[in-house]
Amino acid sequence: MNFDHKIIWITGASSGIGKSLAIALSKQHTKLILSSRNEKELNAVKNSCEHPENIKVLPLDLEDYMSLSSKVEKALSLFGSVDMLFNNGGISQRSYAKDTAISVDKRIMDINYLGTVALTKTLLPHFIEKNSGHFVVITSIVGKIGTPLRSSYAASKHALHGFFDSLRAEVYHNNIKVTIACPGFVQTNVSLNALTADGTPQNRMDGATKNGLTPEVFAKKLLKAVRQEKQEVYIGGFKEKLAVYVKRFFPELLSKMIRKLAVT
């Protein structure tokens, strides 16, 4: 498949991976719908893209997942249809499980899991009706491997894998594709905005994040995987990708390795 003349909706589009996806896709004869909570930044992204006349801004808050049906109605009205949804919006965590308030666990699940699932399920009847569509879900390597300081975040990403693997099987005969993308460390604001034990943002950049892939490189690799209609793809450094396979074949070894690492 290719992206020519596709109508593509991107959540979490105001910065980082979402912004880079928008810029890359704007060069490929697409029409884009950009969403996040920050309307000002969405407009800045729109103006940094090619052909901004083919781009619409639609602010939304994944945490307010009970209101997303109206956002889907609005999205469908903008260009008359949607061909692809990039579920990229979310929030991370930097705190030990023993210290983390249950309200923080809930907020992370509300945004990362329930918000993404609600948006997907509300758009799904449109894909079924036209017998085509593609859901792209940006989870995390932590969606395959739990690491220190990420218990709630890892849980939300593991949950997305379970939901979208099931959905893929259910909608196969409707010609609907599902691609799950698992980033390793990417140079975004994810660690700056990550929630700490009491729910306040960390407000500092992790060293590993700072030294990760650029969002532009990540977007290029992801779009290649989507074009190839991959079911699941791991995009990151060698060690991050290797850990997925070590867990699969040598789980006890990986557990020992993770215990020795305080990933911060």
Protein backbone atom coordinates (compact mmCIF):
# COMPACT_ATOMS: atom_id res chain seq x y z
CA MET A 1 0.00 0.00 0.00
CA ASN A 2 1.02 3.64 -0.27
CA PHE A 3 -0.15 6.85 1.32
CA ASP A 4 -1.17 8.75 -1.82
CA HIS A 5 -4.56 10.40 -1.43
CA LYS A 6 -5.12 8.77 1.97
CA ILE A 7 -6.96 10.62 4.72
CA ILE A 8 -4.87 10.05 7.84
CA TRP A 9 -5.69 10.96 11.44
CA ILE A 10 -2.79 11.32 13.91
CA THR A 11 -3.20 11.68 17.67
CA GLY A 12 -0.41 13.08 19.82
CA ALA A 13 0.46 15.21 16.79
CA SER A 14 1.62 18.38 18.54
CA SER A 15 5.23 17.21 19.11
CA GLY A 16 7.69 14.35 18.91
CA ILE A 17 6.73 11.27 16.92
CA GLY A 18 3.31 12.63 15.94
CA LYS A 19 4.79 15.85 14.60
CA SER A 20 7.42 13.97 12.60
CA LEU A 21 4.77 11.65 11.17
CA ALA A 22 2.70 14.66 10.12
CA ILE A 23 5.61 16.37 8.39
CA ALA A 24 6.65 13.17 6.59
CA LEU A 25 3.11 12.29 5.50
CA SER A 26 2.38 15.83 4.31
CA LYS A 27 4.96 15.24 1.55
CA GLN A 28 3.10 12.21 0.22
CA HIS A 29 -0.13 13.62 -1.29
CA THR A 30 -2.18 12.96 1.84
CA LYS A 31 -4.88 14.77 3.75
CA LEU A 32 -4.19 14.93 7.47
CA ILE A 33 -6.17 15.41 10.66
CA LEU A 34 -3.94 16.41 13.59
CA SER A 35 -5.09 15.90 17.16
CA SER A 36 -3.81 16.49 20.69
CA ARG A 37 -4.85 18.70 23.60
CA ASN A 38 -2.67 21.63 22.50
CA GLU A 39 -4.41 23.47 19.65
CA LYS A 40 -1.71 26.13 19.42
CA GLU A 41 1.04 23.57 18.89
CA LEU A 42 -1.13 21.62 16.43
CA ASN A 43 -1.43 24.74 14.31
CA ALA A 44 2.32 25.23 14.49
CA VAL A 45 2.83 21.67 13.25
CA LYS A 46 0.30 22.25 10.47
CA ASN A 47 2.19 25.34 9.33
CA SER A 48 5.49 23.45 9.32
CA CYS A 49 4.06 20.79 6.98
CA GLU A 50 3.87 20.86 3.22
CA HIS A 51 0.45 21.65 1.76
CA PRO A 52 -1.11 22.96 5.00
CA GLU A 53 -4.31 23.50 3.02
CA ASN A 54 -4.74 19.71 3.14
CA ILE A 55 -4.44 19.58 6.93
CA LYS A 56 -7.13 20.04 9.57
CA VAL A 57 -6.62 20.53 13.30
CA LEU A 58 -8.96 18.70 15.69
CA PRO A 59 -8.11 19.13 19.39
CA LEU A 60 -9.07 16.27 21.69
CA ASP A 61 -8.24 14.87 25.11
CA LEU A 62 -7.83 11.08 25.26
CA GLU A 63 -8.43 11.18 29.01
CA ASP A 64 -11.96 12.40 28.33
CA TYR A 65 -12.66 9.19 26.44
CA MET A 66 -16.44 9.28 26.91
CA SER A 67 -16.61 12.36 24.67
CA LEU A 68 -14.64 10.94 21.75
CA SER A 69 -17.67 9.91 19.69
CA SER A 70 -18.27 13.59 18.87
CA LYS A 71 -14.62 13.93 17.83
CA VAL A 72 -14.97 11.01 15.43
CA GLU A 73 -18.08 12.59 13.93
CA LYS A 74 -16.16 15.83 13.46
CA ALA A 75 -13.14 14.03 11.96
CA LEU A 76 -15.34 12.24 9.42
CA SER A 77 -16.95 15.53 8.44
CA LEU A 78 -13.63 17.25 7.71
CA PHE A 79 -12.75 15.29 4.56
CA GLY A 80 -15.74 12.94 4.31
CA SER A 81 -13.83 9.84 5.43
CA VAL A 82 -10.80 8.52 7.31
CA ASP A 83 -8.50 5.83 5.87
CA MET A 84 -5.93 5.45 8.64
CA LEU A 85 -5.69 6.26 12.34
CA PHE A 86 -2.29 6.64 13.98
CA ASN A 87 -2.94 6.11 17.71
CA ASN A 88 0.09 7.96 19.00
CA GLY A 89 -1.18 9.99 21.96
CA GLY A 90 -0.19 8.96 25.46
CA ILE A 91 1.74 9.67 28.66
CA SER A 92 4.60 7.92 30.45
CA GLN A 93 5.68 7.31 34.06
CA ARG A 94 8.78 7.56 36.23
CA SER A 95 8.04 6.12 39.68
CA TYR A 96 8.27 2.88 41.65
CA ALA A 97 5.06 0.88 42.00
CA LYS A 98 5.26 1.03 45.81
CA ASP A 99 5.25 4.83 45.73
CA THR A 100 2.74 5.46 42.96
CA ALA A 101 -0.71 6.75 43.91
CA ILE A 102 -3.54 4.66 42.48
CA SER A 103 -4.90 7.85 40.90
CA VAL A 104 -1.74 7.94 38.78
CA ASP A 105 -2.24 4.33 37.69
CA LYS A 106 -5.80 5.20 36.70
CA ARG A 107 -4.84 8.33 34.77
CA ILE A 108 -2.21 6.46 32.76
CA MET A 109 -4.69 3.70 31.92
CA ASP A 110 -7.40 6.23 31.06
CA ILE A 111 -5.15 8.07 28.59
CA ASN A 112 -2.99 5.32 27.11
CA TYR A 113 -5.45 2.43 27.05
CA LEU A 114 -9.08 3.53 27.41
CA GLY A 115 -8.65 6.72 25.38
CA THR A 116 -6.97 4.87 22.53
CA VAL A 117 -9.48 2.00 22.63
CA ALA A 118 -12.48 4.36 22.79
CA LEU A 119 -11.26 6.33 19.77
CA THR A 120 -10.56 3.13 17.84
CA LYS A 121 -13.92 1.53 18.64
CA THR A 122 -15.81 4.68 17.70
CA LEU A 123 -14.05 4.90 14.31
CA LEU A 124 -14.29 1.15 13.68
CA PRO A 125 -17.87 1.10 12.25
CA HIS A 126 -16.73 3.56 9.55
CA PHE A 127 -13.88 1.22 8.55
CA ILE A 128 -16.25 -1.77 8.55
CA GLU A 129 -18.80 0.08 6.42
CA LYS A 130 -16.25 0.92 3.74
CA ASN A 131 -14.52 -2.46 4.07
CA SER A 132 -11.06 -0.95 4.50
CA GLY A 133 -8.95 0.88 7.05
CA HIS A 134 -5.69 0.74 8.94
CA PHE A 135 -5.08 1.24 12.65
CA VAL A 136 -1.47 2.06 13.58
CA VAL A 137 -0.80 1.87 17.31
CA ILE A 138 2.37 3.30 18.85
CA THR A 139 2.97 1.34 22.04
CA SER A 140 6.50 0.77 23.39
CA ILE A 141 9.21 -1.83 23.83
CA VAL A 142 7.92 -1.62 27.42
CA GLY A 143 4.70 -3.03 26.00
CA LYS A 144 6.67 -6.25 25.61
CA ILE A 145 9.04 -5.96 28.59
CA GLY A 146 8.29 -4.44 32.00
CA THR A 147 11.14 -2.35 33.43
CA PRO A 148 11.70 -0.43 36.68
CA LEU A 149 9.84 2.86 37.19
CA ARG A 150 7.35 2.00 34.42
CA SER A 151 4.85 -0.37 36.07
CA SER A 152 1.68 1.54 35.17
CA TYR A 153 3.02 2.64 31.79
CA ALA A 154 4.07 -0.92 30.95
CA ALA A 155 0.64 -2.20 32.00
CA SER A 156 -1.14 0.27 29.72
CA LYS A 157 1.06 -0.66 26.76
CA HIS A 158 0.74 -4.41 27.39
CA ALA A 159 -3.03 -3.88 27.43
CA LEU A 160 -2.92 -2.23 24.02
CA HIS A 161 -1.14 -5.27 22.59
CA GLY A 162 -3.85 -7.55 23.91
CA PHE A 163 -6.66 -5.40 22.55
CA PHE A 164 -5.22 -4.78 19.11
CA ASP A 165 -4.05 -8.36 18.58
CA SER A 166 -7.63 -9.46 19.28
CA LEU A 167 -9.07 -6.71 17.08
CA ARG A 168 -6.77 -7.68 14.19
CA ALA A 169 -8.22 -11.19 14.16
CA GLU A 170 -11.80 -9.92 14.42
CA VAL A 171 -11.60 -7.48 11.50
CA TYR A 172 -9.39 -9.45 9.12
CA HIS A 173 -12.32 -10.27 6.82
CA ASN A 174 -13.30 -6.59 6.76
CA ASN A 175 -9.97 -5.77 5.08
CA ILE A 176 -8.89 -3.73 8.12
CA LYS A 177 -5.21 -3.77 9.02
CA VAL A 178 -3.56 -3.33 12.42
CA THR A 179 0.09 -2.39 12.86
CA ILE A 180 1.55 -2.26 16.38
CA ALA A 181 4.76 -0.22 16.58
CA CYS A 182 7.02 -0.55 19.63
CA PRO A 183 9.48 2.34 20.01
CA GLY A 184 12.59 2.10 22.10
CA PHE A 185 14.13 5.36 23.23
CA VAL A 186 13.16 8.30 20.99
CA GLN A 187 14.16 11.94 21.47
CA THR A 188 10.77 13.33 22.46
CA ASN A 189 9.20 15.09 25.45
CA VAL A 190 7.91 11.78 26.82
CA SER A 191 10.23 11.82 29.83
CA LEU A 192 9.65 15.53 30.50
CA ASN A 193 5.91 14.93 30.71
CA ALA A 194 6.13 11.55 32.46
CA LEU A 195 4.09 11.31 35.65
CA THR A 196 5.88 10.80 38.96
CA ALA A 197 4.49 9.05 42.03
CA ASP A 198 2.12 11.88 42.99
CA GLY A 199 1.04 12.65 39.43
CA THR A 200 3.23 15.67 38.80
CA PRO A 201 5.41 15.75 35.64
CA GLN A 202 9.04 14.71 35.93
CA ASN A 203 10.12 17.87 34.06
CA ARG A 204 13.51 16.56 33.03
CA MET A 205 14.87 14.65 30.08
CA ASP A 206 16.13 11.11 30.69
CA GLY A 207 19.64 10.39 29.47
CA ALA A 208 18.50 7.34 27.51
CA THR A 209 15.73 9.35 25.86
CA LYS A 210 18.13 12.15 24.98
CA ASN A 211 20.41 9.64 23.27
CA GLY A 212 17.63 7.76 21.47
CA LEU A 213 16.52 7.84 17.86
CA THR A 214 15.40 11.16 16.45
CA PRO A 215 11.64 11.37 15.84
CA GLU A 216 12.38 11.86 12.14
CA VAL A 217 14.27 8.56 11.90
CA PHE A 218 11.57 6.79 13.89
CA ALA A 219 8.83 8.17 11.61
CA LYS A 220 10.68 7.04 8.49
CA LYS A 221 11.08 3.49 9.83
CA LEU A 222 7.49 3.35 11.01
CA LEU A 223 6.04 4.52 7.71
CA LYS A 224 8.07 1.86 5.91
CA ALA A 225 6.58 -0.79 8.20
CA VAL A 226 3.07 0.56 7.65
CA ARG A 227 3.53 0.53 3.88
CA GLN A 228 4.53 -3.12 4.19
CA GLU A 229 1.44 -3.74 6.37
CA LYS A 230 3.55 -5.25 9.15
CA GLN A 231 1.59 -6.60 12.10
CA GLU A 232 4.22 -5.63 14.69
CA VAL A 233 7.51 -3.78 14.47
CA TYR A 234 10.23 -2.88 17.00
CA ILE A 235 12.01 0.42 16.32
CA GLY A 236 14.90 1.44 18.55
CA GLY A 237 18.49 0.74 19.44
CA PHE A 238 20.09 -2.69 19.16
CA LYS A 239 19.86 -3.47 22.89
CA GLU A 240 16.21 -2.46 23.11
CA LYS A 241 15.21 -4.67 20.20
CA LEU A 242 17.42 -7.52 21.38
CA ALA A 243 15.66 -7.51 24.76
CA VAL A 244 12.37 -8.49 23.08
CA TYR A 245 13.94 -11.65 21.70
CA VAL A 246 15.87 -12.42 24.88
CA LYS A 247 12.59 -12.33 26.78
CA ARG A 248 10.96 -14.63 24.25
CA PHE A 249 13.66 -17.30 24.33
CA PHE A 250 15.54 -16.68 27.61
CA PRO A 251 13.06 -14.98 29.99
CA GLU A 252 15.02 -15.72 33.18
CA LEU A 253 18.15 -14.20 31.67
CA LEU A 254 16.28 -11.03 30.80
CA SER A 255 14.84 -10.84 34.32
CA LYS A 256 18.35 -10.93 35.75
CA MET A 257 19.49 -8.24 33.31
CA ILE A 258 16.57 -5.95 34.15
CA ARG A 259 17.13 -6.32 37.90
CA LYS A 260 20.63 -4.95 37.41
CA LEU A 261 19.42 -1.99 35.43
CA ALA A 262 17.68 1.05 36.86
CA VAL A 263 16.32 2.39 33.58
CA THR A 264 15.90 6.13 34.19
